[in-house]
Protein backbone atom coordinates (compact mmCIF):
# COMPACT_ATOMS: atom_id res chain seq x y z
CA MET A 1 5.28 7.41 14.17
CA ARG A 2 5.02 3.58 15.04
CA GLY A 3 2.35 3.20 12.39
CA ARG A 4 4.01 4.95 9.68
CA ASP A 5 7.33 3.14 9.80
CA VAL A 6 8.07 1.94 6.76
CA ASN A 7 10.06 -1.01 8.45
CA ASN A 8 6.92 -1.56 11.09
CA VAL A 9 5.14 -4.77 9.94
CA VAL A 10 2.16 -3.46 11.51
CA TRP A 11 1.37 -0.96 8.88
CA LEU A 12 1.28 -3.98 6.25
CA ARG A 13 -1.30 -5.64 8.17
CA PRO A 14 -4.86 -5.09 7.14
CA PRO A 15 -6.83 -2.74 9.48
CA PRO A 16 -8.94 -4.38 11.93
CA ASP A 17 -12.79 -4.48 11.22
CA ASP A 18 -13.69 -0.95 12.60
CA ASP A 19 -10.80 1.06 10.67
CA PRO A 20 -11.60 2.02 7.29
CA PRO A 21 -9.73 -0.05 4.43
CA GLU A 22 -8.17 2.41 2.48
CA LYS A 23 -5.06 4.06 3.50
CA PRO A 24 -2.52 6.70 2.16
CA CYS A 25 0.37 5.53 0.81
CA LEU A 26 3.64 5.94 -1.76
CA VAL A 27 4.01 3.62 -4.87
CA LEU A 28 6.95 2.92 -6.57
CA SER A 29 6.55 3.36 -10.18
CA GLU A 30 9.40 4.12 -13.08
CA ASP A 31 11.54 4.78 -10.19
CA ARG A 32 9.62 7.64 -8.56
CA TRP A 33 7.45 7.77 -5.52
CA TRP A 34 3.87 8.59 -6.52
CA GLU A 35 0.96 9.70 -3.62
CA GLY A 36 -1.96 7.38 -3.18
CA THR A 37 -4.08 4.83 -1.42
CA LEU A 38 -4.01 1.31 -0.95
CA VAL A 39 -6.17 -1.64 0.38
CA TRP A 40 -4.99 -4.51 1.50
CA GLU A 41 -5.80 -8.43 0.68
CA PRO A 42 -7.20 -9.79 3.80
CA ALA A 43 -4.08 -12.12 3.92
CA ARG A 44 -0.61 -12.77 2.98
CA ARG A 45 -0.26 -14.72 -0.54
CA GLN A 46 1.88 -18.06 -0.84
CA ASP A 47 4.70 -15.97 -1.37
CA GLY A 48 4.83 -14.84 1.78
CA LEU A 49 4.14 -11.24 0.67
CA TRP A 50 1.41 -8.70 1.37
CA TRP A 51 -0.35 -7.48 -1.90
CA ALA A 52 -3.13 -4.38 -2.20
CA THR A 53 -4.94 -2.58 -4.52
CA VAL A 54 -3.23 0.76 -4.99
CA THR A 55 -4.77 3.88 -6.82
CA TYR A 56 -2.61 6.67 -7.58
CA GLU A 57 -2.16 9.62 -9.85
CA LYS A 58 0.79 9.78 -12.19
CA ARG A 59 1.38 12.30 -14.56
CA GLY A 60 -2.79 13.04 -14.67
CA GLU A 61 -3.77 9.88 -15.02
CA LEU A 62 -5.51 7.63 -12.24
CA VAL A 63 -3.91 4.35 -12.31
CA THR A 64 -4.95 1.40 -10.23
CA GLU A 65 -2.74 -1.75 -9.89
CA VAL A 66 -1.87 -4.62 -7.55
CA ARG A 67 1.38 -4.11 -5.99
CA SER A 68 2.98 -6.01 -3.66
CA GLN A 69 4.59 -4.58 -0.06
CA HIS A 70 7.81 -4.12 -1.66
CA ASP A 71 6.27 -1.47 -4.05
CA ILE A 72 4.76 0.50 -1.61
CA ARG A 73 5.61 2.93 1.66
CA ALA A 74 3.54 4.41 4.47
CA ARG A 75 2.71 7.86 3.70
């Protein structure tokens, strides 16, 4: 469970070069968690947060957005 613990910073870090960049995740939108995938940016931004491009299906529509670590959880 170590890699999926939402409090574990390891899950937030981008994968090493030999790991696939896309990871399963949950995305918070409209007070609900939606299943999706993410690709982390290579480094934290100046605000100190990790950001990722997330893709998830919401009400039958495929949505792609950039979200911070606060709106993303391990799945």
